[in-house]
N, C-alpha and C. Protein backbone atom coordinates (compact mmCIF):
# COMPACT_ATOMS: atom_id res chain seq x y z
N MET A 1 68.07 93.64 150.86
CA MET A 1 69.35 93.86 151.53
C MET A 1 70.26 94.77 150.72
N SER A 2 70.84 95.66 151.47
CA SER A 2 71.79 96.50 150.69
C SER A 2 73.29 96.28 151.52
N ILE A 3 74.42 96.27 150.79
CA ILE A 3 75.55 96.13 151.49
C ILE A 3 75.88 97.18 152.47
N SER A 4 76.42 96.81 153.58
CA SER A 4 76.62 97.82 154.57
C SER A 4 78.05 98.45 154.29
N HIS A 5 78.35 99.42 154.90
CA HIS A 5 79.68 100.19 154.71
C HIS A 5 80.82 99.27 155.24
N ALA A 6 80.31 98.57 156.39
CA ALA A 6 81.53 97.72 157.00
C ALA A 6 81.82 96.51 156.05
N ASP A 7 80.81 95.87 155.46
CA ASP A 7 80.98 94.82 154.50
C ASP A 7 81.75 95.36 153.44
N GLU A 8 81.49 96.38 152.74
CA GLU A 8 82.25 96.95 151.56
C GLU A 8 83.71 97.17 152.04
N ARG A 9 83.79 97.68 153.15
CA ARG A 9 85.21 97.99 153.71
C ARG A 9 85.96 96.78 153.88
N GLU A 10 85.42 95.62 154.43
CA GLU A 10 86.01 94.35 154.57
C GLU A 10 86.37 93.74 153.14
N ILE A 11 85.53 93.95 152.11
CA ILE A 11 85.88 93.29 150.74
C ILE A 11 87.06 94.08 150.15
N LEU A 12 87.09 95.46 150.38
CA LEU A 12 88.23 96.30 149.67
C LEU A 12 89.45 95.97 150.55
N ASN A 13 89.48 95.74 151.85
CA ASN A 13 90.57 95.39 152.56
C ASN A 13 91.08 94.21 152.15
N LYS A 14 90.13 93.19 151.93
CA LYS A 14 90.53 91.77 151.52
C LYS A 14 91.30 91.84 149.91
N LEU A 15 90.76 92.57 149.30
CA LEU A 15 91.45 92.70 147.89
C LEU A 15 92.81 93.38 148.11
N ALA A 16 92.95 94.21 148.89
CA ALA A 16 94.29 94.97 149.12
C ALA A 16 95.13 93.92 149.77
N GLU A 17 94.82 93.04 150.80
CA GLU A 17 95.48 92.09 151.40
C GLU A 17 95.91 90.96 150.40
N PHE A 18 95.04 90.63 149.45
CA PHE A 18 95.43 89.64 148.37
C PHE A 18 96.58 90.05 147.68
N ALA A 19 96.86 91.37 147.39
CA ALA A 19 97.95 91.65 146.68
C ALA A 19 99.17 91.62 147.41
N ARG A 20 99.02 91.74 148.69
CA ARG A 20 100.11 91.72 149.64
C ARG A 20 100.51 90.23 149.89
N ILE A 21 99.51 89.32 150.01
CA ILE A 21 99.74 87.83 150.12
C ILE A 21 100.59 87.32 148.95
N LEU A 22 100.22 87.74 147.55
CA LEU A 22 100.90 87.25 146.53
C LEU A 22 102.30 87.95 146.48
N ASP A 23 102.37 89.20 146.74
CA ASP A 23 103.87 89.72 146.66
C ASP A 23 104.77 89.13 147.78
N GLY A 24 104.18 88.83 149.06
CA GLY A 24 104.87 88.23 150.10
C GLY A 24 105.23 86.81 149.99
N ARG A 25 104.44 86.05 148.90
CA ARG A 25 104.52 84.69 148.73
C ARG A 25 104.02 83.85 150.12
N GLN A 26 102.87 84.42 150.61
CA GLN A 26 102.23 83.97 151.85
C GLN A 26 101.16 83.06 151.50
N TRP A 27 101.53 82.03 150.85
CA TRP A 27 100.59 80.99 150.42
C TRP A 27 99.68 80.45 151.50
N GLN A 28 100.03 80.27 152.74
CA GLN A 28 99.14 79.89 153.71
C GLN A 28 97.97 80.66 154.07
N ARG A 29 98.02 81.88 153.51
CA ARG A 29 97.03 83.01 153.85
C ARG A 29 95.97 83.05 152.60
N VAL A 30 96.18 82.34 151.57
CA VAL A 30 95.28 82.58 150.43
C VAL A 30 93.78 82.31 150.96
N ALA A 31 93.57 81.31 151.82
CA ALA A 31 92.11 81.07 152.36
C ALA A 31 91.62 82.11 153.19
N GLU A 32 92.20 83.20 153.41
CA GLU A 32 91.73 84.39 154.13
C GLU A 32 90.84 85.30 153.17
N VAL A 33 91.16 85.02 151.86
CA VAL A 33 90.51 85.94 150.64
C VAL A 33 89.62 84.97 149.86
N PHE A 34 90.00 83.74 149.67
CA PHE A 34 89.26 82.82 148.77
C PHE A 34 88.54 81.69 149.60
N ASP A 35 87.29 81.33 149.01
CA ASP A 35 86.56 80.31 149.52
C ASP A 35 87.29 78.82 149.02
N SER A 36 87.18 77.82 149.88
CA SER A 36 88.04 76.65 149.67
C SER A 36 87.54 75.81 148.31
N ALA A 37 86.29 76.18 147.96
CA ALA A 37 85.82 75.55 146.82
C ALA A 37 85.68 76.55 145.72
N ILE A 38 86.53 77.72 145.69
CA ILE A 38 86.74 78.73 144.78
C ILE A 38 86.54 78.01 143.14
N SER A 39 85.95 78.60 142.33
CA SER A 39 85.84 78.22 140.98
C SER A 39 86.67 79.51 140.24
N PHE A 40 87.39 79.26 139.17
CA PHE A 40 88.25 80.41 138.61
C PHE A 40 88.71 79.99 137.19
N ASN A 41 88.98 81.14 136.48
CA ASN A 41 89.59 81.12 135.24
C ASN A 41 90.54 82.38 135.20
N TYR A 42 91.76 82.04 135.25
CA TYR A 42 92.77 83.05 135.32
C TYR A 42 93.36 83.47 133.91
N GLY A 43 92.28 83.55 133.07
CA GLY A 43 92.54 84.29 131.75
C GLY A 43 93.30 83.43 130.76
N ASP A 44 93.48 82.13 131.05
CA ASP A 44 94.08 81.15 130.21
C ASP A 44 93.02 80.24 129.49
N GLY A 45 91.65 80.58 129.77
CA GLY A 45 90.75 79.71 129.29
C GLY A 45 90.24 78.28 130.00
N LYS A 46 91.22 77.98 130.96
CA LYS A 46 90.98 76.89 131.69
C LYS A 46 90.14 77.10 132.77
N GLU A 47 88.96 76.34 133.05
CA GLU A 47 88.19 76.31 134.28
C GLU A 47 88.83 75.48 135.22
N GLN A 48 88.94 76.07 136.47
CA GLN A 48 89.60 75.18 137.58
C GLN A 48 88.70 75.51 138.78
N GLN A 49 89.06 74.68 139.80
CA GLN A 49 88.33 74.73 141.10
C GLN A 49 89.18 74.26 142.17
N GLY A 50 88.82 74.98 143.22
CA GLY A 50 89.61 74.61 144.56
C GLY A 50 90.61 75.45 145.03
N ILE A 51 91.00 75.78 146.29
CA ILE A 51 91.81 76.52 146.93
C ILE A 51 93.23 75.93 146.79
N GLU A 52 93.34 74.67 146.56
CA GLU A 52 94.66 74.08 146.24
C GLU A 52 95.02 74.36 144.85
N ALA A 53 94.12 74.32 143.84
CA ALA A 53 94.54 74.59 142.49
C ALA A 53 94.81 76.04 142.36
N LEU A 54 94.02 76.88 143.01
CA LEU A 54 94.41 78.40 143.04
C LEU A 54 95.67 78.68 143.36
N THR A 55 96.17 78.22 144.58
CA THR A 55 97.18 78.38 145.38
C THR A 55 98.42 77.79 144.43
N GLU A 56 98.30 76.60 143.83
CA GLU A 56 99.40 76.08 143.05
C GLU A 56 99.56 76.97 141.74
N ASN A 57 98.50 77.53 141.23
CA ASN A 57 98.46 78.49 140.09
C ASN A 57 99.50 79.73 140.36
N PHE A 58 99.12 80.36 141.52
CA PHE A 58 99.95 81.42 142.04
C PHE A 58 101.45 80.89 142.13
N LYS A 59 101.70 80.01 142.70
CA LYS A 59 103.08 79.42 143.07
C LYS A 59 103.78 79.18 141.87
N THR A 60 103.20 78.56 140.81
CA THR A 60 103.65 78.33 139.63
C THR A 60 104.38 79.42 138.95
N TYR A 61 103.71 80.66 138.87
CA TYR A 61 104.12 81.86 138.20
C TYR A 61 104.94 82.74 139.18
N LEU A 62 104.68 82.63 140.40
CA LEU A 62 105.41 83.72 141.28
C LEU A 62 106.69 83.12 142.01
N ASP A 63 106.48 81.90 142.40
CA ASP A 63 107.69 81.36 143.14
C ASP A 63 109.05 81.49 142.24
N PRO A 64 109.01 81.20 140.90
CA PRO A 64 110.34 81.25 140.17
C PRO A 64 110.74 82.83 139.96
N CYS A 65 109.97 83.69 140.10
CA CYS A 65 110.49 85.05 139.81
C CYS A 65 110.92 85.70 141.05
N GLY A 66 111.43 86.88 140.80
CA GLY A 66 112.00 87.79 141.86
C GLY A 66 110.92 88.47 142.49
N PRO A 67 111.21 89.70 142.82
CA PRO A 67 110.08 90.59 143.49
C PRO A 67 109.01 90.91 142.39
N SER A 68 107.64 91.06 143.03
CA SER A 68 106.50 91.40 142.13
C SER A 68 105.73 92.44 142.97
N GLN A 69 105.00 93.19 142.20
CA GLN A 69 104.14 94.20 142.87
C GLN A 69 102.76 94.22 142.12
N HIS A 70 101.76 93.83 142.76
CA HIS A 70 100.44 93.80 142.12
C HIS A 70 99.58 94.94 142.82
N LEU A 71 99.20 95.65 141.76
CA LEU A 71 98.45 97.01 142.25
C LEU A 71 96.97 96.95 141.64
N LEU A 72 95.95 97.03 142.58
CA LEU A 72 94.56 97.04 142.27
C LEU A 72 94.02 98.45 142.47
N GLY A 73 92.99 98.58 141.50
CA GLY A 73 92.50 100.02 141.46
C GLY A 73 91.22 100.09 140.54
N SER A 74 90.60 101.33 140.59
CA SER A 74 89.33 101.55 139.78
C SER A 74 88.31 100.31 140.35
N ILE A 75 88.19 100.04 141.44
CA ILE A 75 87.36 99.03 141.96
C ILE A 75 85.85 99.50 142.05
N GLN A 76 85.00 98.58 141.37
CA GLN A 76 83.66 98.88 141.42
C GLN A 76 83.02 97.57 142.26
N VAL A 77 81.94 98.05 143.00
CA VAL A 77 81.53 97.20 143.88
C VAL A 77 79.90 97.23 143.73
N GLU A 78 79.27 95.89 143.38
CA GLU A 78 77.87 95.75 143.10
C GLU A 78 77.33 94.72 143.88
N GLN A 79 76.11 94.96 144.32
CA GLN A 79 75.34 93.94 144.96
C GLN A 79 74.41 93.26 144.04
N GLN A 80 74.43 91.79 144.13
CA GLN A 80 73.41 90.95 143.21
C GLN A 80 72.90 90.00 144.23
N GLY A 81 71.74 90.22 144.70
CA GLY A 81 71.14 89.36 145.61
C GLY A 81 71.97 89.07 146.99
N ASN A 82 72.36 87.91 147.40
CA ASN A 82 73.27 87.85 148.58
C ASN A 82 74.68 87.81 148.14
N GLU A 83 75.07 88.16 146.96
CA GLU A 83 76.42 88.31 146.53
C GLU A 83 76.91 89.67 146.39
N ILE A 84 78.12 89.79 146.38
CA ILE A 84 78.78 91.02 145.84
C ILE A 84 79.67 90.82 144.77
N ILE A 85 79.63 91.55 143.76
CA ILE A 85 80.46 91.49 142.53
C ILE A 85 81.44 92.78 142.77
N THR A 86 82.84 92.43 142.58
CA THR A 86 83.82 93.43 142.35
C THR A 86 84.48 93.38 141.07
N ARG A 87 84.84 94.49 140.44
CA ARG A 87 85.51 94.45 139.37
C ARG A 87 86.72 95.48 139.65
N SER A 88 88.04 94.83 139.42
CA SER A 88 89.21 95.56 139.87
C SER A 88 90.12 95.44 138.73
N TYR A 89 90.83 96.58 138.37
CA TYR A 89 91.86 96.70 137.60
C TYR A 89 93.05 96.23 138.27
N VAL A 90 93.88 95.39 137.46
CA VAL A 90 95.18 94.95 138.17
C VAL A 90 96.26 95.27 137.32
N GLN A 91 97.36 95.80 137.80
CA GLN A 91 98.72 95.98 137.18
C GLN A 91 99.83 95.26 137.98
N ALA A 92 100.44 94.37 137.41
CA ALA A 92 101.29 93.41 137.97
C ALA A 92 102.72 93.51 137.41
N ARG A 93 103.60 94.05 138.09
CA ARG A 93 104.99 93.94 137.65
C ARG A 93 105.92 92.75 138.31
N HIS A 94 106.61 91.95 137.39
CA HIS A 94 107.33 90.94 137.81
C HIS A 94 108.78 91.06 137.40
N GLN A 95 109.74 90.94 138.47
CA GLN A 95 111.11 91.19 138.11
C GLN A 95 111.74 89.76 138.18
N GLY A 96 112.59 89.36 137.17
CA GLY A 96 113.29 88.20 137.20
C GLY A 96 114.13 88.00 138.40
N ALA A 97 114.57 86.71 138.62
CA ALA A 97 115.37 86.28 139.85
C ALA A 97 116.74 85.88 139.28
N GLY A 98 117.84 86.12 140.19
CA GLY A 98 118.98 85.63 139.75
C GLY A 98 119.63 86.18 138.55
N ASP A 99 120.13 85.42 137.35
CA ASP A 99 120.55 85.86 136.16
C ASP A 99 119.62 86.51 135.30
N LYS A 100 118.18 86.54 135.77
CA LYS A 100 117.24 87.15 135.08
C LYS A 100 116.83 88.61 135.64
N SER A 101 117.57 88.98 136.68
CA SER A 101 117.10 90.02 137.62
C SER A 101 116.96 91.49 136.84
N ASP A 102 117.55 91.53 135.45
CA ASP A 102 117.65 92.61 134.59
C ASP A 102 116.36 92.68 133.76
N ARG A 103 115.58 91.55 133.94
CA ARG A 103 114.30 91.47 132.97
C ARG A 103 112.99 91.56 133.82
N PHE A 104 111.98 91.95 133.14
CA PHE A 104 110.70 92.37 133.67
C PHE A 104 109.81 91.93 132.76
N PHE A 105 108.40 91.61 133.38
CA PHE A 105 107.09 90.95 132.79
C PHE A 105 106.10 91.91 133.42
N ASP A 106 105.23 92.58 132.54
CA ASP A 106 103.92 93.29 133.11
C ASP A 106 102.90 92.73 132.56
N SER A 107 101.91 92.69 133.52
CA SER A 107 100.51 92.20 133.11
C SER A 107 99.48 93.24 133.63
N ASN A 108 98.56 93.58 132.65
CA ASN A 108 97.39 94.47 133.11
C ASN A 108 96.09 93.95 132.63
N GLY A 109 95.22 94.01 133.53
CA GLY A 109 93.88 93.25 133.18
C GLY A 109 92.86 93.65 134.19
N GLU A 110 91.88 92.78 134.38
CA GLU A 110 90.80 93.00 135.48
C GLU A 110 90.55 91.75 136.05
N TYR A 111 90.32 91.63 137.41
CA TYR A 111 89.66 90.80 138.17
C TYR A 111 88.28 90.98 138.36
N ILE A 112 87.42 89.98 138.09
CA ILE A 112 86.02 89.99 138.26
C ILE A 112 85.75 89.02 139.34
N ASP A 113 85.33 89.26 140.51
CA ASP A 113 85.15 88.51 141.59
C ASP A 113 83.81 88.47 142.17
N ARG A 114 83.32 87.41 142.50
CA ARG A 114 81.93 87.07 143.11
C ARG A 114 82.26 86.69 144.65
N TRP A 115 81.69 87.33 145.42
CA TRP A 115 81.83 87.32 146.88
C TRP A 115 80.61 86.83 147.51
N GLN A 116 80.87 86.01 148.59
CA GLN A 116 79.65 85.57 149.47
C GLN A 116 80.21 85.73 150.90
N CYS A 117 79.14 85.99 151.78
CA CYS A 117 79.46 86.19 153.19
C CYS A 117 79.42 84.85 153.92
N GLN A 118 80.38 84.38 154.60
CA GLN A 118 80.22 83.11 155.15
C GLN A 118 80.60 83.25 156.75
N GLY A 119 80.72 82.16 157.46
CA GLY A 119 80.82 82.27 158.88
C GLY A 119 82.25 82.92 159.16
N ASN A 120 83.14 82.84 158.31
CA ASN A 120 84.44 83.45 158.64
C ASN A 120 84.69 84.72 157.79
N GLY A 121 83.44 85.46 157.30
CA GLY A 121 83.58 86.65 156.69
C GLY A 121 83.34 86.38 155.20
N TRP A 122 83.65 87.61 154.35
CA TRP A 122 83.54 87.64 153.00
C TRP A 122 84.68 86.87 152.30
N ARG A 123 84.33 86.01 151.43
CA ARG A 123 85.26 85.26 150.66
C ARG A 123 84.99 85.14 149.07
N ILE A 124 85.96 85.19 148.22
CA ILE A 124 85.62 85.09 146.98
C ILE A 124 85.33 83.72 146.47
N VAL A 125 84.16 83.51 145.84
CA VAL A 125 83.83 81.97 145.44
C VAL A 125 83.88 81.80 144.01
N ARG A 126 84.12 82.91 143.16
CA ARG A 126 84.42 82.80 141.84
C ARG A 126 85.22 84.11 141.33
N ARG A 127 86.41 83.74 140.57
CA ARG A 127 87.30 84.66 139.88
C ARG A 127 87.28 84.39 138.40
N ASP A 128 87.25 85.59 137.81
CA ASP A 128 87.59 85.51 136.24
C ASP A 128 88.43 86.65 136.04
N VAL A 129 89.52 86.35 135.27
CA VAL A 129 90.52 87.31 134.92
C VAL A 129 90.44 87.60 133.32
N ARG A 130 90.68 88.85 133.07
CA ARG A 130 90.75 89.23 131.63
C ARG A 130 92.01 90.07 131.48
N TRP A 131 92.97 89.55 130.87
CA TRP A 131 94.16 90.34 130.46
C TRP A 131 94.04 91.13 129.33
N ALA A 132 94.37 92.44 129.49
CA ALA A 132 94.18 93.37 128.39
C ALA A 132 95.63 93.56 127.72
N MET A 133 96.81 93.52 128.52
CA MET A 133 98.04 93.64 128.13
C MET A 133 98.96 92.85 128.82
N LEU A 134 99.91 92.01 128.06
CA LEU A 134 101.04 91.31 128.46
C LEU A 134 102.19 91.80 127.92
N LYS A 135 103.28 92.24 128.72
CA LYS A 135 104.40 92.79 127.84
C LYS A 135 105.72 92.50 128.64
N GLY A 136 106.74 92.24 128.05
CA GLY A 136 108.03 91.92 128.49
C GLY A 136 108.57 90.64 128.32
N ASP A 137 109.41 90.14 129.25
CA ASP A 137 109.97 88.61 129.28
C ASP A 137 109.26 87.84 130.11
N MET A 138 108.39 87.05 129.67
CA MET A 138 107.49 86.07 130.29
C MET A 138 108.37 85.02 130.79
N SER A 139 109.60 84.73 130.52
CA SER A 139 110.49 83.86 131.25
C SER A 139 110.74 84.02 132.56
N VAL A 140 110.53 85.36 133.07
CA VAL A 140 110.76 85.68 134.45
C VAL A 140 109.87 84.84 135.46
N LEU A 141 108.75 84.44 134.77
CA LEU A 141 107.81 83.65 135.62
C LEU A 141 107.94 82.08 135.61
N SER A 142 109.12 81.83 134.99
CA SER A 142 109.36 80.24 135.03
C SER A 142 110.78 79.99 135.37
N GLY A 143 111.04 78.88 135.84
CA GLY A 143 112.43 78.51 136.35
C GLY A 143 113.37 78.07 135.17
N ASP A 144 112.93 78.39 133.94
CA ASP A 144 113.76 78.10 132.80
C ASP A 144 114.77 79.11 132.58
């Protein structure tokens, strides 16, 4: 079986939508991209599982900060059996909120995602993140 153009398009659109979900803080929509039993390591060495844990991870870092912009590019799509693997470079800019609005934190790295097609379309079942560069004032990601 080879991936169809329509399936590849759906996956690429879901990656783009993921960035908009994060930047719009639309936490109720996370399940549109990720499987409920998602397993993940967000680059901190901690293995975690479940859509609730993933959503809490996003909220922990993004709710305290001001505007953010997640840009994904140089996306590779590869089929492995019934799964699709995507590798996406990510650049994320985070601006502080309130009295930290003059501060920024940038992260650059790669999302490595394993996708499976389910009854509700393609969903990420595994995400690994590899950070290449972290620069700026990381306190914009915390309420401190």
